[in-house]
Every structure is written in structure tokens, then in C-alpha cells.
Amino acid sequence: MADKTRQIKMVGFLQAQNCSIAPGSWRHPAGATDFLTPDYFQRIGRVLEDGKFHLAFFDDRLAMPDIFGDDHREAVENGVRVVKMDPVSIITAIGMATSRIGLGITYSTTYYEPFHVARLFGTLDLMTRGRAAWNVVTSLNNSEAANFGRTEHLAHDLRYERADEFLQVVQGLWNSWEDDALVVDKETGVFADPSKVHRLDHKGKFFTSRGPLPVPRSPQGQPVIIQAGQSGRGRQFAGKWGDLIFVVYPNLDVGRKQYAAVKQEVADAGRNPDDVAICPACYVCVGETQAIAEEKREYIRALAKPVDAVVLLSEALNFDFASKPMDSEFTDEELQKLSWSGFKERVQTLSGKQNPTVRDFVHFSGRGTIGEFPIFCGTPTQVADQMEEWFTGGACDGFVLAATHTPGAFEDFTRFVVPELQRRGLYQKDYAGSTLRENLGIGIPPRPVRAQAAE
């Protein structure tokens, strides 16, 4: 029997671009093409809220894919995630069209300043009445560095060291205002209690920031933190900071092991593992019959082109995949240079090779296809069975649903799968409250003593 006190956390995985995470999705006949309008994103937001998703979450990159062949031409011609709009405006537009679903966007700790990020997300949290979430990333390739006037990307562990301090500063700035600092008493003329608004006066290795942040606190105290680190250093970072941790598991067995490892990182950081939701990415192909669902899946698979994979692998790993023959092995020196450690380790594990070939990376990563994530395929009952097995079998606390095409994949899931999961008591029938923290069942982090006392 399912534990009726524990329910699936559901996240809709979105991109502010011309396609979903699967670049072939724009080629789908049913894929909407008005992605340069607010209507497109507001439509998706309303579908997700109708499906009682906890969160709509935007991935992001700060450059179009142009490392393959040191050129953007192949990516642009084939529509391989080349439109990359700023997600702040888009998530705000979705917020205006919805009232309960959480709203998360990716923002880099490598190319922005803590004060800017603290003010942006503090304001977004107020304007959405406590529904904001920040996906913390360190960015990953030299194309992004070049767009911000840098010559190359920071080394992996140094990025995380910098990110640790970045989070300290941002959360310190979010704690500038105590919850009851605002008075707004027109008769006495007192707007706010100055003893309850605090400077931060942070001076560290990477940042200095005085504060206070000129943004009072939102109904949920501060935005929810999303993290996606899966390397050893990334898991440590996620365990320390993440409220919701986005992961990629190739299968259930690996998922169980990595789920336990990440929960242990949370405990090692002195936090309660039950307060942190770990949600793997997945695709869902669902139909009235198994045959219909499988036909949908194979049709979508056929939309992928070989160029999609090598363009996206070059982007993700900061290495030009046009520079090596398909069956040549990566040397130890080349592997050391790949920017995404968790991604590299996944391919090594699945291929069983310490030095995979280019073809191994294409095949075992599934990059550019819907094979990148597990695919739950079948009737509503069959899909629910598969998701329940992961959820109750010690592999996850919920799922991040990627779209095979938009908005159809989210519409299908909401129409077919959500009612079946609700019938089993595994999925919320309504939102628990008005803020994202309420709906995720996590509390407001306590304000540190230093922020209360510092003046």
C-alpha cells in the first residue's frame, strides 16, 4: 500500500526557447510555434496549474550552442535550442496568468552579482505572492564566458567554491528585513522599524556586499532553492543548499543508489533529508492503449537528428565533438577538461568504459533525443504504475516532466495520468496553500543570528 501521507512533487520542465529540452520537439506537427509570445508560455502555465503541478521550472544557458565546429550554423539551421530568451520576463507573464503553481528559473552564480540576484528574486517572490524559486547553476562552457567578456570558464571546483559564497550573500541579503519590519503607519509617520532592517557587511574571498537589500520579505520568507548538482562536489553543494534537487537517473537501480547518496549529503550538511525533495527528469508518452502510446514514443524518437546530439554534447561538455572521429576514445587529459563532471561520470558508468568514445557519449547520454531521460510509456494505468514504482521504491520524491512536444505532452499528462495518480492517493488534488513553500511542505529558513545583530 502507498504511504498516503507522502505525495509526489511534480515539476514541469520548461525552456525559454524554440523547443523543449528535446530539440526535435519543434519539428512535431502538434508543437506550438508561437514561442516568441507570452500566450505560448501562459498557455503552458495554465495547463500545469490545472494538473496541480507544484512548479513550472525554466532551464537556461547564456549562449546558443556554438562549440561544435566552433560555429553556430548547424545549431541555427536545425533549431537546436538556439532561441534563449531571458526567463525572468516569461516567468512573470506566467505568474500573472496563474495563482498557485510555483515559478522557478535558472540564474548563474558565475556571471551575475549576488545583490542583483537577491533583488531580482526577492522582487519576483513578491510579485508572485510567494511562489518564486531560484535554480542555482554555475554555468558550464566557454561560449557563455565569451558572452560576458571572459576568456574561459572557471574550473569546476572553483565554480562551486564561489557559488557557496554567492548563496551565503544572497540569503544574507534576503534576511535584511525581519518579517514585521514594515509598519506603514500614516498617523505616526513611521514607515518601518529601522532596528529590524539590517546591513549584511559581507567581506569574503569572492564578494563584498554591504546591504541592506531594499526589498522586504515575501509571504514565503524567501524563494525556494533548486539545485541540480550530481558530481561529488555538486552533490555536496546540493545537500547544503537545495530545497528541491533536480537529478537525472538512467534507470531505477541507479536512481535508488544516487537518491540515498544525495539524501546522505543533506544529512551530512546538518539538514533534515525529509525537508528536501529529490526529483529525477523523465518523459511520459501516454495513450488510450499501449500501442497508441508506443506509436507516439517512436514517432517522437524519429524526429531527432544526429546533429542534435553532437551539437548539444559540445555545449554541455565544453568540448568540440567535431574534433574527434566517432569511434576514437577520449584520453584521460580530454576527460579531465570536460566541464560537466556528473554527465561524464554517467556515460562512464553506463558504457562500462573509463575512456568512452564519441559514439559512446552520443549513445549512452541520449543527448538530443528523448532517450536522455527515462521514458514512462503506456496507458494511464501503466504510466502510473511505473511512476509509483520509482516513488515508493526509494528512488525519488517526485518528478521533473520534460515535454516531448508542447503543450501536448503536458496536456496528455494532466488529462490521463494525474487523475490515476490522484485515485491512488499519490498526487495532490489541490494546492495546500498559496506559497510554494506551503505546497512543497517546507518551512522558511531561520534568520541567522549575525543578520539579526549586524548593524
Protein backbone atom coordinates (compact mmCIF):
# COMPACT_ATOMS: atom_id res chain seq x y z
CA MET A 1 0.00 0.00 0.00
CA ALA A 2 1.17 3.52 -0.78
CA ASP A 3 2.05 5.85 2.09
CA LYS A 4 -0.92 8.22 1.99
CA THR A 5 0.98 10.89 3.92
CA ARG A 6 3.60 11.21 1.19
CA GLN A 7 2.71 12.55 -2.24
CA ILE A 8 4.57 13.11 -5.50
CA LYS A 9 6.13 16.53 -6.06
CA MET A 10 5.56 17.37 -9.72
CA VAL A 11 7.63 19.83 -11.74
CA GLY A 12 7.08 20.94 -15.33
CA PHE A 13 10.42 21.31 -17.13
CA LEU A 14 10.33 24.35 -19.45
CA GLN A 15 12.73 26.27 -21.70
CA ALA A 16 12.52 29.88 -22.83
CA GLN A 17 13.32 28.80 -26.35
CA ASN A 18 12.02 27.37 -29.61
CA CYS A 19 11.72 23.79 -28.33
CA SER A 20 11.57 21.68 -25.21
CA ILE A 21 14.71 20.06 -23.79
CA ALA A 22 14.33 17.66 -26.77
CA PRO A 23 15.37 19.78 -29.78
CA GLY A 24 13.32 17.64 -32.17
CA SER A 25 10.14 18.76 -30.40
CA TRP A 26 9.86 21.86 -32.60
CA ARG A 27 9.56 19.53 -35.61
CA HIS A 28 6.46 17.80 -34.16
CA PRO A 29 3.33 18.67 -36.20
CA ALA A 30 1.41 19.36 -32.98
CA GLY A 31 4.14 21.52 -31.46
CA ALA A 32 3.04 25.13 -30.97
CA THR A 33 5.13 27.66 -32.89
CA ASP A 34 4.20 30.92 -31.16
CA PHE A 35 7.13 30.59 -28.71
CA LEU A 36 8.04 34.28 -29.10
CA THR A 37 4.78 35.36 -27.48
CA PRO A 38 3.52 35.45 -23.88
CA ASP A 39 0.46 33.46 -24.95
CA TYR A 40 2.58 30.36 -25.57
CA PHE A 41 4.05 30.31 -22.08
CA GLN A 42 0.88 31.39 -20.29
CA ARG A 43 -0.98 28.55 -22.02
CA ILE A 44 1.57 26.04 -20.69
CA GLY A 45 1.42 27.59 -17.22
CA ARG A 46 -2.36 27.21 -17.07
CA VAL A 47 -2.15 23.57 -18.22
CA LEU A 48 0.39 22.81 -15.49
CA GLU A 49 -1.71 24.53 -12.84
CA ASP A 50 -4.79 22.61 -13.99
CA GLY A 51 -2.68 19.48 -13.47
CA LYS A 52 -1.78 20.63 -9.92
CA PHE A 53 1.96 20.68 -10.71
CA HIS A 54 3.93 22.11 -7.81
CA LEU A 55 6.31 24.06 -10.01
CA ALA A 56 6.96 25.35 -13.51
CA PHE A 57 10.73 25.40 -13.88
CA PHE A 58 12.90 27.01 -16.58
CA ASP A 59 16.29 25.68 -17.60
CA ASP A 60 18.68 28.21 -19.15
CA ARG A 61 22.01 28.73 -20.89
CA LEU A 62 23.75 32.05 -21.56
CA ALA A 63 24.87 31.26 -25.10
CA MET A 64 23.47 29.44 -28.11
CA PRO A 65 25.19 26.10 -28.89
CA ASP A 66 28.22 27.09 -30.99
CA ILE A 67 31.10 24.92 -29.76
CA PHE A 68 30.52 22.14 -32.33
CA GLY A 69 32.84 23.08 -35.20
CA ASP A 70 33.37 26.43 -33.46
CA ASP A 71 30.28 27.76 -35.22
CA HIS A 72 26.58 28.30 -34.60
CA ARG A 73 25.48 27.47 -38.15
CA GLU A 74 24.50 23.81 -37.61
CA ALA A 75 22.59 24.66 -34.44
CA VAL A 76 20.73 27.57 -36.04
CA GLU A 77 19.82 25.71 -39.23
CA ASN A 78 18.46 22.74 -37.29
CA GLY A 79 16.82 24.69 -34.46
CA VAL A 80 18.92 23.02 -31.76
CA ARG A 81 17.91 25.17 -28.80
CA VAL A 82 19.17 28.38 -30.37
CA VAL A 83 16.46 30.75 -29.08
CA LYS A 84 17.32 31.50 -25.46
CA MET A 85 15.24 34.32 -24.04
CA ASP A 86 15.67 35.68 -20.52
CA PRO A 87 13.29 33.64 -18.35
CA VAL A 88 12.55 36.44 -15.86
CA SER A 89 10.03 38.19 -18.08
CA ILE A 90 8.49 34.91 -19.16
CA ILE A 91 8.03 33.52 -15.65
CA THR A 92 6.47 36.84 -14.64
CA ALA A 93 3.99 36.53 -17.52
CA ILE A 94 3.11 33.00 -16.36
CA GLY A 95 2.72 34.31 -12.82
CA MET A 96 0.14 36.82 -14.00
CA ALA A 97 -1.88 34.04 -15.66
CA THR A 98 -1.80 31.63 -12.69
CA SER A 99 -2.33 31.83 -8.93
CA ARG A 100 -0.91 28.74 -7.18
CA ILE A 101 1.80 27.00 -9.18
CA GLY A 102 5.40 27.68 -8.16
CA LEU A 103 7.59 29.58 -10.61
CA GLY A 104 11.27 28.67 -10.89
CA ILE A 105 14.00 29.98 -13.16
CA THR A 106 17.71 29.33 -13.62
CA TYR A 107 20.23 32.05 -12.82
CA SER A 108 24.00 31.67 -12.85
CA THR A 109 26.32 32.38 -9.93
CA THR A 110 29.22 32.76 -12.36
CA TYR A 111 28.11 35.78 -14.40
CA TYR A 112 25.92 37.80 -12.05
CA GLU A 113 26.45 39.57 -8.74
CA PRO A 114 24.75 38.39 -5.52
CA PHE A 115 22.98 41.72 -4.94
CA HIS A 116 21.46 41.64 -8.44
CA VAL A 117 20.20 38.07 -7.98
CA ALA A 118 18.90 38.75 -4.46
CA ARG A 119 16.91 41.79 -5.60
CA LEU A 120 15.60 40.10 -8.76
CA PHE A 121 14.31 37.01 -6.97
CA GLY A 122 13.13 38.96 -3.91
CA THR A 123 11.01 41.12 -6.22
CA LEU A 124 9.79 38.14 -8.25
CA ASP A 125 8.74 36.46 -5.00
CA LEU A 126 6.68 39.50 -4.02
CA MET A 127 5.09 39.93 -7.44
CA THR A 128 4.03 36.26 -7.48
CA ARG A 129 2.85 36.35 -3.84
CA GLY A 130 5.45 33.88 -2.60
CA ARG A 131 5.75 31.43 -5.48
CA ALA A 132 9.32 32.06 -6.68
CA ALA A 133 12.20 29.58 -6.88
CA TRP A 134 15.81 30.03 -7.97
CA ASN A 135 17.64 27.21 -9.76
CA VAL A 136 21.27 27.82 -8.83
CA VAL A 137 23.77 26.95 -11.57
CA THR A 138 27.47 27.62 -12.02
CA SER A 139 27.28 27.66 -15.86
CA LEU A 140 29.37 25.30 -17.92
CA ASN A 141 31.10 26.44 -21.09
CA ASN A 142 33.41 28.95 -22.75
CA SER A 143 30.68 30.29 -25.05
CA GLU A 144 28.89 31.64 -22.00
CA ALA A 145 32.17 33.11 -20.74
CA ALA A 146 32.76 34.80 -24.11
CA ASN A 147 29.35 36.50 -23.99
CA PHE A 148 30.31 38.09 -20.67
CA GLY A 149 33.76 39.27 -21.68
CA ARG A 150 35.67 36.37 -20.12
CA THR A 151 38.23 34.26 -21.95
CA GLU A 152 37.33 30.90 -20.41
CA HIS A 153 35.13 29.24 -17.86
CA LEU A 154 36.16 28.82 -14.21
CA ALA A 155 37.46 25.43 -13.09
CA HIS A 156 34.78 23.03 -11.78
CA ASP A 157 35.54 23.05 -8.03
CA LEU A 158 36.36 26.77 -8.02
CA ARG A 159 32.93 27.46 -9.53
CA TYR A 160 31.31 25.66 -6.60
CA GLU A 161 33.51 27.39 -4.02
CA ARG A 162 32.43 30.72 -5.49
CA ALA A 163 28.80 29.53 -5.61
CA ASP A 164 28.88 28.64 -1.91
CA GLU A 165 29.82 32.19 -1.01
CA PHE A 166 27.33 33.56 -3.55
CA LEU A 167 24.50 31.70 -1.77
CA GLN A 168 25.67 32.97 1.62
CA VAL A 169 25.49 36.54 0.37
CA VAL A 170 22.14 36.17 -1.38
CA GLN A 171 20.47 34.55 1.61
CA GLY A 172 22.06 37.12 3.91
CA LEU A 173 20.57 39.90 1.78
CA TRP A 174 17.17 38.18 1.75
CA ASN A 175 17.37 38.29 5.55
CA SER A 176 17.86 42.08 5.59
CA TRP A 177 14.26 42.65 6.63
CA GLU A 178 12.61 40.95 9.56
CA ASP A 179 9.08 39.71 8.95
CA ASP A 180 7.44 42.51 10.97
CA ALA A 181 9.79 45.35 9.95
CA LEU A 182 7.14 47.16 7.89
CA VAL A 183 4.86 49.43 9.95
CA VAL A 184 3.31 51.79 7.35
CA ASP A 185 1.60 53.92 10.00
CA LYS A 186 0.44 57.12 8.35
CA GLU A 187 -0.66 58.71 11.64
CA THR A 188 2.74 58.43 13.33
CA GLY A 189 4.69 58.75 10.09
CA VAL A 190 6.67 55.56 10.77
CA PHE A 191 7.14 53.54 7.61
CA ALA A 192 9.30 50.74 9.01
CA ASP A 193 11.21 49.88 12.17
CA PRO A 194 14.88 50.64 11.41
CA SER A 195 16.03 48.24 14.14
CA LYS A 196 14.52 45.41 12.09
CA VAL A 197 16.28 46.25 8.81
CA HIS A 198 19.89 45.06 8.78
CA ARG A 199 23.11 45.51 6.90
CA LEU A 200 24.96 42.39 5.81
CA ASP A 201 28.52 43.79 5.66
CA HIS A 202 29.85 40.68 3.94
CA LYS A 203 33.55 40.60 3.05
CA GLY A 204 34.71 37.27 1.61
CA LYS A 205 37.09 35.67 -0.86
CA PHE A 206 34.95 36.39 -3.92
CA PHE A 207 32.39 39.01 -2.86
CA THR A 208 31.76 42.03 -0.71
CA SER A 209 28.25 43.29 -0.17
CA ARG A 210 27.06 45.85 2.36
CA GLY A 211 23.27 45.70 2.18
CA PRO A 212 20.55 46.06 3.30
CA LEU A 213 18.58 44.69 0.37
CA PRO A 214 15.88 47.26 -0.45
CA VAL A 215 13.23 44.53 -0.86
CA PRO A 216 11.06 43.42 2.10
CA ARG A 217 10.27 39.76 2.62
CA SER A 218 7.58 37.89 0.73
CA PRO A 219 4.78 35.71 2.15
CA GLN A 220 7.10 32.66 1.93
CA GLY A 221 10.05 34.39 3.59
CA GLN A 222 12.49 33.81 0.75
CA PRO A 223 12.48 31.97 -2.58
CA VAL A 224 12.87 28.20 -2.75
CA ILE A 225 16.32 26.97 -3.84
CA ILE A 226 16.54 24.41 -6.66
CA GLN A 227 19.84 22.67 -7.34
CA ALA A 228 20.97 20.12 -9.91
CA GLY A 229 24.48 19.10 -8.89
CA GLN A 230 25.28 15.40 -9.44
CA SER A 231 29.08 15.25 -9.35
CA GLY A 232 30.73 14.65 -5.98
CA ARG A 233 31.25 18.37 -5.39
CA GLY A 234 27.86 19.16 -6.94
CA ARG A 235 26.06 16.72 -4.61
CA GLN A 236 27.75 18.34 -1.63
CA PHE A 237 26.58 21.76 -2.80
CA ALA A 238 23.04 20.47 -3.40
CA GLY A 239 22.97 18.82 0.03
CA LYS A 240 23.94 22.08 1.69
CA TRP A 241 21.60 24.46 -0.14
CA GLY A 242 18.87 22.71 -2.16
CA ASP A 243 15.21 22.62 -1.17
CA LEU A 244 14.36 20.76 -4.38
CA ILE A 245 17.12 18.81 -6.12
CA PHE A 246 16.78 18.08 -9.83
CA VAL A 247 18.59 14.89 -10.89
CA VAL A 248 18.99 12.65 -13.94
CA TYR A 249 18.88 8.89 -13.36
CA PRO A 250 19.26 6.46 -16.28
CA ASN A 251 17.23 3.73 -14.57
CA LEU A 252 15.56 2.72 -11.32
CA ASP A 253 18.52 0.81 -9.84
CA VAL A 254 20.93 3.70 -10.32
CA GLY A 255 18.22 6.04 -9.06
CA ARG A 256 17.91 4.20 -5.74
CA LYS A 257 21.66 4.39 -5.12
CA GLN A 258 22.00 8.04 -6.08
CA TYR A 259 18.86 9.02 -4.18
CA ALA A 260 20.37 7.55 -1.00
CA ALA A 261 23.70 9.28 -1.70
CA VAL A 262 22.10 12.72 -2.12
CA LYS A 263 19.93 12.27 0.97
CA GLN A 264 23.11 11.42 2.88
CA GLU A 265 24.71 14.66 1.64
CA VAL A 266 21.69 16.55 3.01
CA ALA A 267 22.09 14.83 6.39
CA ASP A 268 25.85 15.46 6.38
CA ALA A 269 25.10 19.15 5.91
CA GLY A 270 23.10 19.08 9.16
CA ARG A 271 19.71 19.28 7.46
CA ASN A 272 16.63 17.05 7.62
CA PRO A 273 16.56 14.85 4.48
CA ASP A 274 12.75 14.73 4.65
CA ASP A 275 12.65 18.50 4.03
CA VAL A 276 14.43 18.15 0.67
CA ALA A 277 12.66 16.78 -2.43
CA ILE A 278 14.74 14.87 -4.97
CA CYS A 279 13.09 14.77 -8.40
CA PRO A 280 14.53 12.99 -11.47
CA ALA A 281 13.77 14.09 -15.00
CA CYS A 282 11.51 11.92 -17.16
CA TYR A 283 9.42 11.85 -20.30
CA VAL A 284 5.88 10.46 -20.47
CA CYS A 285 4.27 9.01 -23.57
CA VAL A 286 0.70 8.10 -22.65
CA GLY A 287 -2.26 6.99 -24.75
CA GLU A 288 -5.61 5.27 -24.59
CA THR A 289 -3.86 1.97 -25.35
CA GLN A 290 -0.29 0.73 -25.04
CA ALA A 291 0.00 0.57 -28.82
CA ILE A 292 -1.03 4.21 -29.19
CA ALA A 293 1.47 5.29 -26.51
CA GLU A 294 4.30 3.34 -28.12
CA GLU A 295 3.46 4.77 -31.53
CA LYS A 296 3.67 8.28 -30.05
CA ARG A 297 7.03 7.45 -28.50
CA GLU A 298 8.55 6.06 -31.70
CA TYR A 299 7.25 8.98 -33.75
CA ILE A 300 8.91 11.43 -31.37
CA ARG A 301 12.15 9.45 -31.38
CA ALA A 302 12.21 9.66 -35.17
CA LEU A 303 12.14 13.46 -35.04
CA ALA A 304 15.69 13.57 -33.62
CA LYS A 305 18.61 14.20 -35.99
CA PRO A 306 22.21 13.04 -35.39
CA VAL A 307 23.37 16.67 -35.44
CA ASP A 308 21.17 17.39 -32.39
CA ALA A 309 23.29 15.09 -30.23
CA VAL A 310 26.76 16.29 -31.18
CA VAL A 311 25.78 19.96 -31.03
CA LEU A 312 24.33 19.58 -27.55
CA LEU A 313 27.15 17.36 -26.27
CA SER A 314 29.65 20.00 -27.36
CA GLU A 315 27.64 22.64 -25.49
CA ALA A 316 27.18 20.62 -22.31
CA LEU A 317 30.73 19.33 -22.02
CA ASN A 318 32.56 22.42 -23.37
CA PHE A 319 34.36 20.28 -25.95
CA ASP A 320 34.15 20.35 -29.75
CA PHE A 321 32.77 16.93 -30.73
CA ALA A 322 33.58 17.73 -34.36
CA SER A 323 37.28 17.47 -33.46
CA LYS A 324 37.26 13.66 -32.92
CA PRO A 325 36.18 10.67 -35.05
CA MET A 326 33.10 8.84 -33.78
CA ASP A 327 34.99 5.76 -32.59
CA SER A 328 38.00 7.46 -31.03
CA GLU A 329 38.37 7.23 -27.26
CA PHE A 330 38.63 10.28 -25.06
CA THR A 331 42.05 10.48 -23.44
CA ASP A 332 42.39 10.99 -19.69
CA GLU A 333 43.55 14.55 -20.39
CA GLU A 334 40.48 15.25 -22.56
CA LEU A 335 38.14 13.76 -19.98
CA GLN A 336 39.67 15.99 -17.32
CA LYS A 337 38.74 19.04 -19.39
CA LEU A 338 35.05 18.14 -19.79
CA SER A 339 33.09 20.71 -17.82
CA TRP A 340 30.12 18.66 -16.55
CA SER A 341 31.53 16.00 -14.23
CA GLY A 342 28.20 14.35 -13.37
CA PHE A 343 27.36 13.97 -17.06
CA LYS A 344 30.78 12.44 -17.84
CA GLU A 345 30.51 10.03 -14.90
CA ARG A 346 27.07 8.88 -16.07
CA VAL A 347 28.41 7.95 -19.53
CA GLN A 348 31.40 6.16 -17.98
CA THR A 349 29.10 4.14 -15.73
CA LEU A 350 26.62 3.16 -18.44
CA SER A 351 29.27 2.33 -21.04
CA GLY A 352 31.46 0.48 -18.56
CA LYS A 353 34.46 2.34 -20.02
CA GLN A 354 36.83 4.67 -18.23
CA ASN A 355 37.62 6.21 -21.63
CA PRO A 356 34.39 6.30 -23.67
CA THR A 357 34.35 7.11 -27.38
CA VAL A 358 32.42 9.92 -29.06
CA ARG A 359 29.87 7.30 -30.13
CA ASP A 360 29.55 6.16 -26.51
CA PHE A 361 28.76 9.69 -25.42
CA VAL A 362 26.11 10.01 -28.14
CA HIS A 363 24.54 6.62 -27.37
CA PHE A 364 24.67 6.47 -23.57
CA SER A 365 23.85 10.12 -22.89
CA GLY A 366 20.75 10.17 -25.10
CA ARG A 367 21.57 13.85 -25.65
CA GLY A 368 19.41 15.41 -28.33
CA THR A 369 16.78 12.68 -28.07
CA ILE A 370 14.06 11.70 -25.61
CA GLY A 371 16.39 8.88 -24.57
CA GLU A 372 18.27 11.34 -22.36
CA PHE A 373 15.78 10.67 -19.55
CA PRO A 374 13.72 7.61 -18.57
CA ILE A 375 10.50 7.32 -20.60
CA PHE A 376 7.33 6.19 -18.86
CA CYS A 377 5.21 4.80 -21.67
CA GLY A 378 1.80 3.13 -21.85
CA THR A 379 -1.79 3.58 -20.75
CA PRO A 380 -2.57 5.89 -17.81
CA THR A 381 -2.55 2.85 -15.51
CA GLN A 382 0.77 1.61 -16.84
CA VAL A 383 2.44 5.02 -16.59
CA ALA A 384 1.11 5.47 -13.05
CA ASP A 385 2.44 2.00 -12.16
CA GLN A 386 5.92 2.95 -13.40
CA MET A 387 5.95 6.27 -11.57
CA GLU A 388 4.63 4.68 -8.39
CA GLU A 389 7.42 2.07 -8.52
CA TRP A 390 10.04 4.82 -8.59
CA PHE A 391 8.30 6.93 -5.96
CA THR A 392 7.58 4.19 -3.42
CA GLY A 393 10.73 2.22 -4.27
CA GLY A 394 13.25 4.61 -2.76
CA ALA A 395 14.34 6.45 -5.92
CA CYS A 396 12.63 9.85 -5.73
CA ASP A 397 10.23 12.28 -4.07
CA GLY A 398 8.67 13.38 -7.33
CA PHE A 399 9.44 14.01 -10.98
CA VAL A 400 10.56 16.72 -13.40
CA LEU A 401 8.45 16.16 -16.51
CA ALA A 402 10.15 17.09 -19.78
CA ALA A 403 7.95 17.64 -22.82
CA THR A 404 8.14 15.54 -25.96
CA HIS A 405 6.30 18.46 -27.57
CA THR A 406 4.46 21.49 -26.21
CA PRO A 407 1.89 21.95 -24.94
CA GLY A 408 0.64 18.45 -25.86
CA ALA A 409 2.88 16.44 -23.53
CA PHE A 410 1.72 18.43 -20.50
CA GLU A 411 -1.91 18.26 -21.64
CA ASP A 412 -1.70 14.47 -22.02
CA PHE A 413 -0.15 14.04 -18.57
CA THR A 414 -2.75 16.29 -16.94
CA ARG A 415 -5.64 14.58 -18.72
CA PHE A 416 -4.55 10.94 -18.47
CA VAL A 417 -2.05 10.38 -15.68
CA VAL A 418 -2.88 12.91 -12.95
CA PRO A 419 -6.38 11.50 -12.25
CA GLU A 420 -4.96 7.97 -11.93
CA LEU A 421 -2.23 9.10 -9.50
CA GLN A 422 -4.83 11.07 -7.53
CA ARG A 423 -7.06 8.00 -7.33
CA ARG A 424 -4.16 6.14 -5.73
CA GLY A 425 -3.59 8.89 -3.17
CA LEU A 426 -0.14 9.63 -4.59
CA TYR A 427 -0.84 13.09 -6.01
CA GLN A 428 -2.38 16.24 -4.58
CA LYS A 429 -5.97 17.02 -5.53
CA ASP A 430 -5.48 20.68 -4.72
CA TYR A 431 -2.77 23.03 -3.56
CA ALA A 432 -2.05 23.09 0.17
CA GLY A 433 -1.63 26.85 0.28
CA SER A 434 -0.81 29.96 -1.66
CA THR A 435 3.02 29.88 -1.46
CA LEU A 436 5.45 27.43 -3.00
CA ARG A 437 6.93 26.55 0.40
CA GLU A 438 3.48 25.67 1.72
CA ASN A 439 2.79 23.48 -1.31
CA LEU A 440 6.15 21.71 -1.07
CA GLY A 441 5.71 21.28 2.68
CA ILE A 442 8.95 23.04 3.63
CA GLY A 443 9.42 25.79 6.18
CA ILE A 444 11.03 29.20 5.99
CA PRO A 445 14.77 29.04 6.81
CA PRO A 446 15.51 30.70 10.20
CA ARG A 447 17.18 34.08 10.05
CA PRO A 448 20.80 33.74 11.22
CA VAL A 449 21.91 35.50 14.42
CA ARG A 450 24.51 37.50 12.51
CA ALA A 451 21.90 39.08 10.25
CA GLN A 452 19.75 39.97 13.27
CA ALA A 453 22.58 41.58 15.19
CA ALA A 454 24.69 43.21 12.48
CA GLU A 455 24.38 46.97 12.28
